[in-house]
Protein backbone atom coordinates (compact mmCIF):
# COMPACT_ATOMS: atom_id res chain seq x y z
CA UNK A 1 64.06 12.92 39.93
CA UNK A 2 61.51 11.26 40.29
CA UNK A 3 62.51 12.15 44.40
CA UNK A 4 62.06 15.98 43.44
CA UNK A 5 59.21 15.61 41.50
CA UNK A 6 57.23 14.69 44.35
CA UNK A 7 58.45 16.99 46.29
CA UNK A 8 57.47 19.72 44.12
CA UNK A 9 53.87 17.89 43.20
CA UNK A 10 53.45 18.04 47.25
CA UNK A 11 54.59 21.94 47.37
CA UNK A 12 52.35 22.25 44.22
CA UNK A 13 49.20 20.41 46.10
CA UNK A 14 50.17 22.04 49.74
CA UNK A 15 49.60 26.08 48.36
CA UNK A 16 46.52 24.96 46.61
CA UNK A 17 44.74 24.75 49.58
CA UNK A 18 47.18 27.16 51.62
CA UNK A 19 44.79 29.29 48.45
CA UNK A 20 41.92 27.65 48.41
CA UNK A 21 41.97 28.29 52.04
CA UNK A 22 42.28 32.00 51.40
CA UNK A 23 40.20 32.53 48.85
CA UNK A 24 36.82 30.29 51.05
CA UNK A 25 37.89 33.11 54.48
CA UNK A 26 37.35 35.69 51.86
CA UNK A 27 34.32 35.05 51.17
CA UNK A 28 33.45 34.13 54.27
CA UNK A 29 34.88 38.23 55.26
CA UNK A 30 32.18 38.67 52.04
CA UNK A 31 29.57 37.23 53.44
CA UNK A 32 29.86 38.39 56.90
CA UNK A 33 30.36 42.36 55.25
CA UNK A 34 26.88 41.66 53.20
CA UNK A 35 24.93 40.81 56.20
CA UNK A 36 26.41 43.59 57.96
CA UNK A 37 25.30 46.78 54.87
CA UNK A 38 21.95 44.51 54.40
CA UNK A 39 21.30 45.61 58.92
CA UNK A 40 22.28 49.15 58.79
CA UNK A 41 20.02 49.82 55.88
CA UNK A 42 16.68 48.06 57.12
CA UNK A 43 18.04 50.00 59.95
CA UNK A 44 17.84 52.97 57.60
CA UNK A 45 14.75 52.15 55.88
CA UNK A 46 12.83 52.17 59.89
CA UNK A 47 14.88 55.72 60.97
CA UNK A 48 12.92 56.83 57.58
CA UNK A 49 9.31 55.07 57.48
CA UNK A 50 9.37 56.36 61.49
CA UNK A 51 10.75 59.61 61.30
CA UNK A 52 7.78 59.80 58.67
CA UNK A 53 5.23 59.63 61.09
CA UNK A 54 3.56 62.95 61.39
CA UNK A 55 5.73 64.78 61.79
CA UNK A 56 4.64 67.57 59.07
CA UNK A 57 1.07 67.75 58.40
CA UNK A 58 -0.59 66.14 55.59
CA UNK A 59 -1.39 69.27 52.99
CA UNK A 60 1.94 70.22 53.13
CA UNK A 61 4.46 68.69 49.43
CA UNK A 62 1.64 68.52 48.38
CA UNK A 63 1.92 71.30 45.65
CA UNK A 64 5.65 72.79 43.76
CA UNK A 65 5.00 76.66 44.17
CA UNK A 66 7.76 78.77 41.14
CA UNK A 67 8.46 81.47 39.83
CA UNK A 68 10.01 82.71 36.62
């Protein structure tokens, strides 16, 4: 009976380490995805600021014309 308890404890230990490894791998993938998203957001922000430089005259967009 002692042998079966030791083997089940070893099985649970290996399952726990496999779960820990998969969690660590998942966190690593998540961090990489966040880095890529941050780079993409920075590229979009830079593209917007570059496209606004000199594309429209400074007097446009100052007033809103509405009618009822």
